[in-house]
Amino acid sequence: MLELIAIICALVVCVLTPFEVRRIRRGYVHKKFAGDRAKYIAAYRKQLTLLIFAGAIFGVLGIVFASFEDRPGGATVRIVAALIWFAVSAVCFVSRRMLPSESAPMSGAGR
């Protein structure tokens, strides 16, 4: 059951991250964030970096654990979960590259 929750959350990250990056590129800063736009972009970049490494690590672990699976269909579920975690890593990598640099002027709508 926990693995199913993790798979669903990973899929949500894959879908919502590009939308959030698009909002940030347009000048969005979360209203509860205490710093300025440059600090917000730096914090979001750090978050994406963490997700890149977490997705890669969970993907590799999923493939390794799939080789030890002895239940019928268990290896397939683990490989699918590993592929989804690799997708999280790839989406976050591309999204991090799409973020503006911290010194770029704000364009579009503000907060």
PDB file of N, CA and C in Angstrom:
ATOM      1  N   MET A   1       0.818  -1.190   0.000  1.00  0.00           N
ATOM      2  CA  MET A   1       0.000   0.000   0.000  1.00  0.00           C
ATOM      3  C   MET A   1       0.866   1.260   0.000  1.00  0.00           C
ATOM      4  N   LEU A   2       1.945   1.240   0.774  1.00  0.00           N
ATOM      5  CA  LEU A   2       2.837   2.392   0.804  1.00  0.00           C
ATOM      6  C   LEU A   2       3.494   2.630  -0.549  1.00  0.00           C
ATOM      7  N   GLU A   3       3.789   1.544  -1.226  1.00  0.00           N
ATOM      8  CA  GLU A   3       4.399   1.687  -2.548  1.00  0.00           C
ATOM      9  C   GLU A   3       3.422   2.324  -3.532  1.00  0.00           C
ATOM     10  N   LEU A   4       2.150   1.995  -3.416  1.00  0.00           N
ATOM     11  CA  LEU A   4       1.140   2.600  -4.285  1.00  0.00           C
ATOM     12  C   LEU A   4       1.022   4.104  -4.018  1.00  0.00           C
ATOM     13  N   ILE A   5       1.072   4.490  -2.749  1.00  0.00           N
ATOM     14  CA  ILE A   5       1.027   5.910  -2.404  1.00  0.00           C
ATOM     15  C   ILE A   5       2.244   6.628  -2.972  1.00  0.00           C
ATOM     16  N   ALA A   6       3.425   6.007  -2.875  1.00  0.00           N
ATOM     17  CA  ALA A   6       4.643   6.612  -3.419  1.00  0.00           C
ATOM     18  C   ALA A   6       4.561   6.759  -4.935  1.00  0.00           C
ATOM     19  N   ILE A   7       3.992   5.770  -5.614  1.00  0.00           N
ATOM     20  CA  ILE A   7       3.850   5.836  -7.072  1.00  0.00           C
ATOM     21  C   ILE A   7       2.914   6.979  -7.461  1.00  0.00           C
ATOM     22  N   ILE A   8       1.798   7.106  -6.745  1.00  0.00           N
ATOM     23  CA  ILE A   8       0.853   8.176  -7.047  1.00  0.00           C
ATOM     24  C   ILE A   8       1.490   9.542  -6.809  1.00  0.00           C
ATOM     25  N   CYS A   9       2.206   9.681  -5.699  1.00  0.00           N
ATOM     26  CA  CYS A   9       2.868  10.957  -5.409  1.00  0.00           C
ATOM     27  C   CYS A   9       3.942  11.277  -6.452  1.00  0.00           C
ATOM     28  N   ALA A  10       4.678  10.273  -6.900  1.00  0.00           N
ATOM     29  CA  ALA A  10       5.690  10.505  -7.930  1.00  0.00           C
ATOM     30  C   ALA A  10       5.043  10.952  -9.237  1.00  0.00           C
ATOM     31  N   LEU A  11       3.904  10.369  -9.577  1.00  0.00           N
ATOM     32  CA  LEU A  11       3.200  10.800 -10.787  1.00  0.00           C
ATOM     33  C   LEU A  11       2.697  12.235 -10.658  1.00  0.00           C
ATOM     34  N   VAL A  12       2.247  12.601  -9.470  1.00  0.00           N
ATOM     35  CA  VAL A  12       1.792  13.970  -9.241  1.00  0.00           C
ATOM     36  C   VAL A  12       2.954  14.943  -9.408  1.00  0.00           C
ATOM     37  N   VAL A  13       4.127  14.576  -8.896  1.00  0.00           N
ATOM     38  CA  VAL A  13       5.314  15.427  -9.062  1.00  0.00           C
ATOM     39  C   VAL A  13       5.649  15.581 -10.544  1.00  0.00           C
ATOM     40  N   CYS A  14       5.563  14.485 -11.291  1.00  0.00           N
ATOM     41  CA  CYS A  14       5.858  14.543 -12.732  1.00  0.00           C
ATOM     42  C   CYS A  14       4.904  15.475 -13.473  1.00  0.00           C
ATOM     43  N   VAL A  15       3.666  15.522 -13.056  1.00  0.00           N
ATOM     44  CA  VAL A  15       2.677  16.339 -13.750  1.00  0.00           C
ATOM     45  C   VAL A  15       2.731  17.800 -13.305  1.00  0.00           C
ATOM     46  N   LEU A  16       2.860  18.041 -12.000  1.00  0.00           N
ATOM     47  CA  LEU A  16       2.743  19.406 -11.486  1.00  0.00           C
ATOM     48  C   LEU A  16       4.023  20.231 -11.579  1.00  0.00           C
ATOM     49  N   THR A  17       5.177  19.606 -11.607  1.00  0.00           N
ATOM     50  CA  THR A  17       6.433  20.355 -11.635  1.00  0.00           C
ATOM     51  C   THR A  17       6.551  21.262 -12.862  1.00  0.00           C
ATOM     52  N   PRO A  18       6.249  20.809 -14.074  1.00  0.00           N
ATOM     53  CA  PRO A  18       6.339  21.741 -15.215  1.00  0.00           C
ATOM     54  C   PRO A  18       5.395  22.929 -15.108  1.00  0.00           C
ATOM     55  N   PHE A  19       4.205  22.722 -14.543  1.00  0.00           N
ATOM     56  CA  PHE A  19       3.278  23.838 -14.361  1.00  0.00           C
ATOM     57  C   PHE A  19       3.832  24.858 -13.367  1.00  0.00           C
ATOM     58  N   GLU A  20       4.413  24.364 -12.281  1.00  0.00           N
ATOM     59  CA  GLU A  20       4.976  25.264 -11.277  1.00  0.00           C
ATOM     60  C   GLU A  20       6.173  26.035 -11.837  1.00  0.00           C
ATOM     61  N   VAL A  21       7.002  25.369 -12.615  1.00  0.00           N
ATOM     62  CA  VAL A  21       8.155  26.053 -13.219  1.00  0.00           C
ATOM     63  C   VAL A  21       7.686  27.121 -14.199  1.00  0.00           C
ATOM     64  N   ARG A  22       6.637  26.829 -14.939  1.00  0.00           N
ATOM     65  CA  ARG A  22       6.096  27.842 -15.860  1.00  0.00           C
ATOM     66  C   ARG A  22       5.611  29.060 -15.094  1.00  0.00           C
ATOM     67  N   ARG A  23       4.965  28.844 -13.950  1.00  0.00           N
ATOM     68  CA  ARG A  23       4.511  29.971 -13.127  1.00  0.00           C
ATOM     69  C   ARG A  23       5.698  30.772 -12.599  1.00  0.00           C
ATOM     70  N   ILE A  24       6.740  30.089 -12.180  1.00  0.00           N
ATOM     71  CA  ILE A  24       7.929  30.778 -11.664  1.00  0.00           C
ATOM     72  C   ILE A  24       8.591  31.575 -12.772  1.00  0.00           C
ATOM     73  N   ARG A  25       8.643  31.027 -13.965  1.00  0.00           N
ATOM     74  CA  ARG A  25       9.240  31.763 -15.087  1.00  0.00           C
ATOM     75  C   ARG A  25       8.458  33.028 -15.415  1.00  0.00           C
ATOM     76  N   ARG A  26       7.175  33.026 -15.121  1.00  0.00           N
ATOM     77  CA  ARG A  26       6.339  34.207 -15.362  1.00  0.00           C
ATOM     78  C   ARG A  26       6.446  35.229 -14.238  1.00  0.00           C
ATOM     79  N   GLY A  27       7.175  34.904 -13.173  1.00  0.00           N
ATOM     80  CA  GLY A  27       7.387  35.867 -12.100  1.00  0.00           C
ATOM     81  C   GLY A  27       6.709  35.529 -10.787  1.00  0.00           C
ATOM     82  N   TYR A  28       6.128  34.354 -10.660  1.00  0.00           N
ATOM     83  CA  TYR A  28       5.413  33.977  -9.452  1.00  0.00           C
ATOM     84  C   TYR A  28       6.377  33.741  -8.288  1.00  0.00           C
ATOM     85  N   VAL A  29       6.007  34.261  -7.116  1.00  0.00           N
ATOM     86  CA  VAL A  29       6.676  33.960  -5.856  1.00  0.00           C
ATOM     87  C   VAL A  29       5.572  33.663  -4.854  1.00  0.00           C
ATOM     88  N   HIS A  30       5.675  32.545  -4.157  1.00  0.00           N
ATOM     89  CA  HIS A  30       4.640  32.160  -3.199  1.00  0.00           C
ATOM     90  C   HIS A  30       4.492  33.237  -2.140  1.00  0.00           C
ATOM     91  N   LYS A  31       3.254  33.552  -1.802  1.00  0.00           N
ATOM     92  CA  LYS A  31       2.997  34.676  -0.896  1.00  0.00           C
ATOM     93  C   LYS A  31       3.538  34.441   0.509  1.00  0.00           C
ATOM     94  N   LYS A  32       3.713  33.196   0.920  1.00  0.00           N
ATOM     95  CA  LYS A  32       4.236  32.913   2.255  1.00  0.00           C
ATOM     96  C   LYS A  32       5.764  32.861   2.291  1.00  0.00           C
ATOM     97  N   PHE A  33       6.404  32.996   1.141  1.00  0.00           N
ATOM     98  CA  PHE A  33       7.861  32.970   1.106  1.00  0.00           C
ATOM     99  C   PHE A  33       8.400  34.291   1.609  1.00  0.00           C
ATOM    100  N   ALA A  34       9.356  34.238   2.526  1.00  0.00           N
ATOM    101  CA  ALA A  34       9.833  35.454   3.195  1.00  0.00           C
ATOM    102  C   ALA A  34      10.830  36.253   2.352  1.00  0.00           C
ATOM    103  N   GLY A  35      11.560  35.610   1.464  1.00  0.00           N
ATOM    104  CA  GLY A  35      12.589  36.307   0.703  1.00  0.00           C
ATOM    105  C   GLY A  35      12.080  36.906  -0.587  1.00  0.00           C
ATOM    106  N   ASP A  36      13.031  37.367  -1.398  1.00  0.00           N
ATOM    107  CA  ASP A  36      12.682  37.947  -2.693  1.00  0.00           C
ATOM    108  C   ASP A  36      12.645  36.857  -3.761  1.00  0.00           C
ATOM    109  N   ARG A  37      12.457  37.276  -4.992  1.00  0.00           N
ATOM    110  CA  ARG A  37      12.314  36.328  -6.103  1.00  0.00           C
ATOM    111  C   ARG A  37      13.580  35.503  -6.328  1.00  0.00           C
ATOM    112  N   ALA A  38      14.740  36.139  -6.219  1.00  0.00           N
ATOM    113  CA  ALA A  38      15.999  35.416  -6.432  1.00  0.00           C
ATOM    114  C   ALA A  38      16.181  34.313  -5.399  1.00  0.00           C
ATOM    115  N   LYS A  39      15.827  34.589  -4.157  1.00  0.00           N
ATOM    116  CA  LYS A  39      15.941  33.554  -3.109  1.00  0.00           C
ATOM    117  C   LYS A  39      14.918  32.442  -3.336  1.00  0.00           C
ATOM    118  N   TYR A  40      13.738  32.810  -3.837  1.00  0.00           N
ATOM    119  CA  TYR A  40      12.710  31.804  -4.119  1.00  0.00           C
ATOM    120  C   TYR A  40      13.182  30.862  -5.229  1.00  0.00           C
ATOM    121  N   ILE A  41      13.764  31.428  -6.262  1.00  0.00           N
ATOM    122  CA  ILE A  41      14.262  30.591  -7.363  1.00  0.00           C
ATOM    123  C   ILE A  41      15.392  29.693  -6.873  1.00  0.00           C
ATOM    124  N   ALA A  42      16.280  30.230  -6.033  1.00  0.00           N
ATOM    125  CA  ALA A  42      17.379  29.426  -5.494  1.00  0.00           C
ATOM    126  C   ALA A  42      16.841  28.285  -4.626  1.00  0.00           C
ATOM    127  N   ALA A  43      15.837  28.559  -3.810  1.00  0.00           N
ATOM    128  CA  ALA A  43      15.250  27.515  -2.965  1.00  0.00           C
ATOM    129  C   ALA A  43      14.540  26.464  -3.808  1.00  0.00           C
ATOM    130  N   TYR A  44      13.841  26.893  -4.847  1.00  0.00           N
ATOM    131  CA  TYR A  44      13.143  25.938  -5.714  1.00  0.00           C
ATOM    132  C   TYR A  44      14.144  25.110  -6.513  1.00  0.00           C
ATOM    133  N   ARG A  45      15.235  25.730  -6.920  1.00  0.00           N
ATOM    134  CA  ARG A  45      16.292  25.002  -7.630  1.00  0.00           C
ATOM    135  C   ARG A  45      16.892  23.924  -6.723  1.00  0.00           C
ATOM    136  N   LYS A  46      17.069  24.246  -5.446  1.00  0.00           N
ATOM    137  CA  LYS A  46      17.601  23.275  -4.493  1.00  0.00           C
ATOM    138  C   LYS A  46      16.621  22.115  -4.300  1.00  0.00           C
ATOM    139  N   GLN A  47      15.329  22.431  -4.254  1.00  0.00           N
ATOM    140  CA  GLN A  47      14.302  21.403  -4.121  1.00  0.00           C
ATOM    141  C   GLN A  47      14.309  20.475  -5.334  1.00  0.00           C
ATOM    142  N   LEU A  48      14.425  21.047  -6.524  1.00  0.00           N
ATOM    143  CA  LEU A  48      14.474  20.219  -7.727  1.00  0.00           C
ATOM    144  C   LEU A  48      15.717  19.344  -7.754  1.00  0.00           C
ATOM    145  N   THR A  49      16.843  19.868  -7.272  1.00  0.00           N
ATOM    146  CA  THR A  49      18.069  19.068  -7.214  1.00  0.00           C
ATOM    147  C   THR A  49      17.891  17.875  -6.292  1.00  0.00           C
ATOM    148  N   LEU A  50      17.250  18.092  -5.154  1.00  0.00           N
ATOM    149  CA  LEU A  50      16.973  16.995  -4.233  1.00  0.00           C
ATOM    150  C   LEU A  50      16.099  15.936  -4.896  1.00  0.00           C
ATOM    151  N   LEU A  51      15.078  16.368  -5.629  1.00  0.00           N
ATOM    152  CA  LEU A  51      14.194  15.418  -6.308  1.00  0.00           C
ATOM    153  C   LEU A  51      14.901  14.681  -7.441  1.00  0.00           C
ATOM    154  N   ILE A  52      15.868  15.331  -8.091  1.00  0.00           N
ATOM    155  CA  ILE A  52      16.639  14.652  -9.129  1.00  0.00           C
ATOM    156  C   ILE A  52      17.384  13.465  -8.529  1.00  0.00           C
ATOM    157  N   PHE A  53      18.083  13.722  -7.434  1.00  0.00           N
ATOM    158  CA  PHE A  53      18.859  12.651  -6.813  1.00  0.00           C
ATOM    159  C   PHE A  53      17.963  11.602  -6.161  1.00  0.00           C
ATOM    160  N   ALA A  54      16.875  12.021  -5.528  1.00  0.00           N
ATOM    161  CA  ALA A  54      15.959  11.057  -4.914  1.00  0.00           C
ATOM    162  C   ALA A  54      15.332  10.157  -5.973  1.00  0.00           C
ATOM    163  N   GLY A  55      14.922  10.743  -7.101  1.00  0.00           N
ATOM    164  CA  GLY A  55      14.341   9.940  -8.169  1.00  0.00           C
ATOM    165  C   GLY A  55      15.325   8.934  -8.740  1.00  0.00           C
ATOM    166  N   ALA A  56      16.574   9.358  -8.913  1.00  0.00           N
ATOM    167  CA  ALA A  56      17.584   8.439  -9.439  1.00  0.00           C
ATOM    168  C   ALA A  56      17.880   7.311  -8.444  1.00  0.00           C
ATOM    169  N   ILE A  57      17.990   7.660  -7.171  1.00  0.00           N
ATOM    170  CA  ILE A  57      18.296   6.642  -6.159  1.00  0.00           C
ATOM    171  C   ILE A  57      17.145   5.657  -6.012  1.00  0.00           C
ATOM    172  N   PHE A  58      15.906   6.169  -5.908  1.00  0.00           N
ATOM    173  CA  PHE A  58      14.761   5.262  -5.787  1.00  0.00           C
ATOM    174  C   PHE A  58      14.563   4.426  -7.046  1.00  0.00           C
ATOM    175  N   GLY A  59      14.899   4.979  -8.202  1.00  0.00           N
ATOM    176  CA  GLY A  59      14.810   4.202  -9.433  1.00  0.00           C
ATOM    177  C   GLY A  59      15.785   3.045  -9.454  1.00  0.00           C
ATOM    178  N   VAL A  60      17.020   3.313  -9.062  1.00  0.00           N
ATOM    179  CA  VAL A  60      18.030   2.247  -9.017  1.00  0.00           C
ATOM    180  C   VAL A  60      17.651   1.207  -7.967  1.00  0.00           C
ATOM    181  N   LEU A  61      17.218   1.652  -6.792  1.00  0.00           N
ATOM    182  CA  LEU A  61      16.812   0.703  -5.745  1.00  0.00           C
ATOM    183  C   LEU A  61      15.617  -0.131  -6.187  1.00  0.00           C
ATOM    184  N   GLY A  62      14.698   0.464  -6.917  1.00  0.00           N
ATOM    185  CA  GLY A  62      13.548  -0.288  -7.407  1.00  0.00           C
ATOM    186  C   GLY A  62      13.952  -1.403  -8.357  1.00  0.00           C
ATOM    187  N   ILE A  63      14.907  -1.126  -9.216  1.00  0.00           N
ATOM    188  CA  ILE A  63      15.373  -2.158 -10.141  1.00  0.00           C
ATOM    189  C   ILE A  63      16.131  -3.250  -9.388  1.00  0.00           C
ATOM    190  N   VAL A  64      16.944  -2.848  -8.428  1.00  0.00           N
ATOM    191  CA  VAL A  64      17.688  -3.843  -7.631  1.00  0.00           C
ATOM    192  C   VAL A  64      16.720  -4.718  -6.847  1.00  0.00           C
ATOM    193  N   PHE A  65      15.721  -4.120  -6.198  1.00  0.00           N
ATOM    194  CA  PHE A  65      14.763  -4.905  -5.422  1.00  0.00           C
ATOM    195  C   PHE A  65      13.871  -5.762  -6.312  1.00  0.00           C
ATOM    196  N   ALA A  66      13.658  -5.341  -7.548  1.00  0.00           N
ATOM    197  CA  ALA A  66      12.858  -6.155  -8.470  1.00  0.00           C
ATOM    198  C   ALA A  66      13.564  -7.464  -8.796  1.00  0.00           C
ATOM    199  N   SER A  67      14.884  -7.442  -8.782  1.00  0.00           N
ATOM    200  CA  SER A  67      15.616  -8.683  -9.069  1.00  0.00           C
ATOM    201  C   SER A  67      15.502  -9.686  -7.927  1.00  0.00           C
ATOM    202  N   PHE A  68      15.162  -9.231  -6.718  1.00  0.00           N
ATOM    203  CA  PHE A  68      15.013 -10.123  -5.574  1.00  0.00           C
ATOM    204  C   PHE A  68      13.562 -10.531  -5.323  1.00  0.00           C
ATOM    205  N   GLU A  69      12.641  -9.989  -6.086  1.00  0.00           N
ATOM    206  CA  GLU A  69      11.212 -10.231  -5.870  1.00  0.00           C
ATOM    207  C   GLU A  69      10.865 -11.661  -6.262  1.00  0.00           C
ATOM    208  N   ASP A  70      10.106 -12.339  -5.384  1.00  0.00           N
ATOM    209  CA  ASP A  70       9.730 -13.722  -5.679  1.00  0.00           C
ATOM    210  C   ASP A  70       8.222 -13.898  -5.856  1.00  0.00           C
ATOM    211  N   ARG A  71       7.425 -12.880  -5.559  1.00  0.00           N
ATOM    212  CA  ARG A  71       5.982 -12.983  -5.774  1.00  0.00           C
ATOM    213  C   ARG A  71       5.670 -12.797  -7.262  1.00  0.00           C
ATOM    214  N   PRO A  72       4.646 -13.471  -7.762  1.00  0.00           N
ATOM    215  CA  PRO A  72       4.282 -13.271  -9.167  1.00  0.00           C
ATOM    216  C   PRO A  72       3.766 -11.849  -9.397  1.00  0.00           C
ATOM    217  N   GLY A  73       4.343 -11.193 -10.362  1.00  0.00           N
ATOM    218  CA  GLY A  73       3.950  -9.831 -10.686  1.00  0.00           C
ATOM    219  C   GLY A  73       4.632  -8.778  -9.835  1.00  0.00           C
ATOM    220  N   GLY A  74       5.311  -9.167  -8.793  1.00  0.00           N
ATOM    221  CA  GLY A  74       5.978  -8.213  -7.913  1.00  0.00           C
ATOM    222  C   GLY A  74       7.120  -7.484  -8.595  1.00  0.00           C
ATOM    223  N   ALA A  75       7.854  -8.213  -9.421  1.00  0.00           N
ATOM    224  CA  ALA A  75       8.975  -7.591 -10.131  1.00  0.00           C
ATOM    225  C   ALA A  75       8.466  -6.547 -11.125  1.00  0.00           C
ATOM    226  N   THR A  76       7.351  -6.828 -11.758  1.00  0.00           N
ATOM    227  CA  THR A  76       6.785  -5.876 -12.716  1.00  0.00           C
ATOM    228  C   THR A  76       6.375  -4.581 -12.028  1.00  0.00           C
ATOM    229  N   VAL A  77       5.751  -4.701 -10.873  1.00  0.00           N
ATOM    230  CA  VAL A  77       5.329  -3.509 -10.128  1.00  0.00           C
ATOM    231  C   VAL A  77       6.542  -2.694  -9.707  1.00  0.00           C
ATOM    232  N   ARG A  78       7.582  -3.355  -9.247  1.00  0.00           N
ATOM    233  CA  ARG A  78       8.785  -2.652  -8.807  1.00  0.00           C
ATOM    234  C   ARG A  78       9.496  -1.966  -9.986  1.00  0.00           C
ATOM    235  N   ILE A  79       9.510  -2.612 -11.134  1.00  0.00           N
ATOM    236  CA  ILE A  79      10.154  -1.999 -12.307  1.00  0.00           C
ATOM    237  C   ILE A  79       9.355  -0.794 -12.788  1.00  0.00           C
ATOM    238  N   VAL A  80       8.029  -0.905 -12.780  1.00  0.00           N
ATOM    239  CA  VAL A  80       7.194   0.238 -13.165  1.00  0.00           C
ATOM    240  C   VAL A  80       7.409   1.392 -12.192  1.00  0.00           C
ATOM    241  N   ALA A  81       7.457   1.094 -10.899  1.00  0.00           N
ATOM    242  CA  ALA A  81       7.715   2.134  -9.898  1.00  0.00           C
ATOM    243  C   ALA A  81       9.094   2.761 -10.113  1.00  0.00           C
ATOM    244  N   ALA A  82      10.081   1.945 -10.440  1.00  0.00           N
ATOM    245  CA  ALA A  82      11.431   2.466 -10.699  1.00  0.00           C
ATOM    246  C   ALA A  82      11.430   3.380 -11.916  1.00  0.00           C
ATOM    247  N   LEU A  83      10.715   3.009 -12.958  1.00  0.00           N
ATOM    248  CA  LEU A  83      10.634   3.853 -14.150  1.00  0.00           C
ATOM    249  C   LEU A  83       9.942   5.177 -13.852  1.00  0.00           C
ATOM    250  N   ILE A  84       8.944   5.143 -12.992  1.00  0.00           N
ATOM    251  CA  ILE A  84       8.273   6.390 -12.613  1.00  0.00           C
ATOM    252  C   ILE A  84       9.228   7.276 -11.831  1.00  0.00           C
ATOM    253  N   TRP A  85      10.050   6.693 -10.950  1.00  0.00           N
ATOM    254  CA  TRP A  85      11.023   7.497 -10.203  1.00  0.00           C
ATOM    255  C   TRP A  85      12.093   8.057 -11.132  1.00  0.00           C
ATOM    256  N   PHE A  86      12.486   7.303 -12.151  1.00  0.00           N
ATOM    257  CA  PHE A  86      13.417   7.848 -13.141  1.00  0.00           C
ATOM    258  C   PHE A  86      12.758   9.005 -13.899  1.00  0.00           C
ATOM    259  N   ALA A  87      11.454   8.893 -14.144  1.00  0.00           N
ATOM    260  CA  ALA A  87      10.735   9.988 -14.802  1.00  0.00           C
ATOM    261  C   ALA A  87      10.707  11.227 -13.917  1.00  0.00           C
ATOM    262  N   VAL A  88      10.538  11.056 -12.609  1.00  0.00           N
ATOM    263  CA  VAL A  88      10.600  12.189 -11.683  1.00  0.00           C
ATOM    264  C   VAL A  88      11.954  12.868 -11.795  1.00  0.00           C
ATOM    265  N   SER A  89      13.006  12.069 -11.815  1.00  0.00           N
ATOM    266  CA  SER A  89      14.355  12.615 -11.920  1.00  0.00           C
ATOM    267  C   SER A  89      14.529  13.383 -13.229  1.00  0.00           C
ATOM    268  N   ALA A  90      14.055  12.840 -14.322  1.00  0.00           N
ATOM    269  CA  ALA A  90      14.204  13.488 -15.625  1.00  0.00           C
ATOM    270  C   ALA A  90      13.377  14.773 -15.711  1.00  0.00           C
ATOM    271  N   VAL A  91      12.142  14.736 -15.226  1.00  0.00           N
ATOM    272  CA  VAL A  91      11.286  15.924 -15.268  1.00  0.00           C
ATOM    273  C   VAL A  91      11.884  17.045 -14.427  1.00  0.00           C
ATOM    274  N   CYS A  92      12.397  16.704 -13.263  1.00  0.00           N
ATOM    275  CA  CYS A  92      12.992  17.726 -12.400  1.00  0.00           C
ATOM    276  C   CYS A  92      14.292  18.262 -12.990  1.00  0.00           C
ATOM    277  N   PHE A  93      15.056  17.407 -13.672  1.00  0.00           N
ATOM    278  CA  PHE A  93      16.285  17.870 -14.315  1.00  0.00           C
ATOM    279  C   PHE A  93      15.981  18.886 -15.414  1.00  0.00           C
ATOM    280  N   VAL A  94      15.011  18.567 -16.255  1.00  0.00           N
ATOM    281  CA  VAL A  94      14.633  19.479 -17.335  1.00  0.00           C
ATOM    282  C   VAL A  94      14.016  20.753 -16.760  1.00  0.00           C
ATOM    283  N   SER A  95      13.199  20.605 -15.734  1.00  0.00           N
ATOM    284  CA  SER A  95      12.554  21.774 -15.130  1.00  0.00           C
ATOM    285  C   SER A  95      13.580  22.699 -14.479  1.00  0.00           C
ATOM    286  N   ARG A  96      14.595  22.134 -13.851  1.00  0.00           N
ATOM    287  CA  ARG A  96      15.627  22.961 -13.227  1.00  0.00           C
ATOM    288  C   ARG A  96      16.374  23.758 -14.273  1.00  0.00           C
ATOM    289  N   ARG A  97      16.605  23.163 -15.431  1.00  0.00           N
ATOM    290  CA  ARG A  97      17.294  23.884 -16.512  1.00  0.00           C
ATOM    291  C   ARG A  97      16.426  24.986 -17.109  1.00  0.00           C
ATOM    292  N   MET A  98      15.111  24.864 -16.977  1.00  0.00           N
ATOM    293  CA  MET A  98      14.200  25.863 -17.532  1.00  0.00           C
ATOM    294  C   MET A  98      14.005  27.055 -16.599  1.00  0.00           C
ATOM    295  N   LEU A  99      14.415  26.913 -15.335  1.00  0.00           N
ATOM    296  CA  LEU A  99      14.262  28.031 -14.402  1.00  0.00           C
ATOM    297  C   LEU A  99      15.158  29.187 -14.817  1.00  0.00           C
ATOM    298  N   PRO A 100      14.682  30.409 -14.613  1.00  0.00           N
ATOM    299  CA  PRO A 100      15.544  31.557 -14.930  1.00  0.00           C
ATOM    300  C   PRO A 100      16.676  31.660 -13.917  1.00  0.00           C
ATOM    301  N   SER A 101      17.727  32.343 -14.314  1.00  0.00           N
ATOM    302  CA  SER A 101      18.810  32.566 -13.366  1.00  0.00           C
ATOM    303  C   SER A 101      18.325  33.514 -12.283  1.00  0.00           C
ATOM    304  N   GLU A 102      18.978  33.484 -11.136  1.00  0.00           N
ATOM    305  CA  GLU A 102      18.523  34.282 -10.000  1.00  0.00           C
ATOM    306  C   GLU A 102      18.580  35.773 -10.282  1.00  0.00           C
ATOM    307  N   SER A 103      19.465  36.188 -11.181  1.00  0.00           N
ATOM    308  CA  SER A 103      19.625  37.618 -11.432  1.00  0.00           C
ATOM    309  C   SER A 103      18.738  38.139 -12.561  1.00  0.00           C
ATOM    310  N   ALA A 104      17.957  37.266 -13.193  1.00  0.00           N
ATOM    311  CA  ALA A 104      17.114  37.696 -14.296  1.00  0.00           C
ATOM    312  C   ALA A 104      15.978  38.584 -13.786  1.00  0.00           C
ATOM    313  N   PRO A 105      15.644  39.632 -14.515  1.00  0.00           N
ATOM    314  CA  PRO A 105      14.557  40.506 -14.070  1.00  0.00           C
ATOM    315  C   PRO A 105      13.222  39.792 -14.171  1.00  0.00           C
ATOM    316  N   MET A 106      12.295  40.212 -13.336  1.00  0.00           N
ATOM    317  CA  MET A 106      10.982  39.595 -13.306  1.00  0.00           C
ATOM    318  C   MET A 106      10.185  40.053 -14.522  1.00  0.00           C
ATOM    319  N   SER A 107       9.580  39.091 -15.210  1.00  0.00           N
ATOM    320  CA  SER A 107       8.742  39.430 -16.357  1.00  0.00           C
ATOM    321  C   SER A 107       7.346  38.878 -16.127  1.00  0.00           C
ATOM    322  N   GLY A 108       6.362  39.549 -16.621  1.00  0.00           N
ATOM    323  CA  GLY A 108       5.001  39.077 -16.491  1.00  0.00           C
ATOM    324  C   GLY A 108       4.376  39.473 -15.174  1.00  0.00           C
ATOM    325  N   ALA A 109       3.450  38.636 -14.722  1.00  0.00           N
ATOM    326  CA  ALA A 109       2.712  38.926 -13.494  1.00  0.00           C
ATOM    327  C   ALA A 109       3.597  38.788 -12.275  1.00  0.00           C
ATOM    328  N   GLY A 110       3.326  39.545 -11.270  1.00  0.00           N
ATOM    329  CA  GLY A 110       4.082  39.504 -10.022  1.00  0.00           C
ATOM    330  C   GLY A 110       3.559  38.423  -9.105  1.00  0.00           C
ATOM    331  N   ARG A 111       3.504  38.721  -7.862  1.00  0.00           N
ATOM    332  CA  ARG A 111       3.082  37.757  -6.861  1.00  0.00           C
ATOM    333  C   ARG A 111       1.692  37.369  -7.145  1.00  0.00           C
TER     334      ARG A 111
END
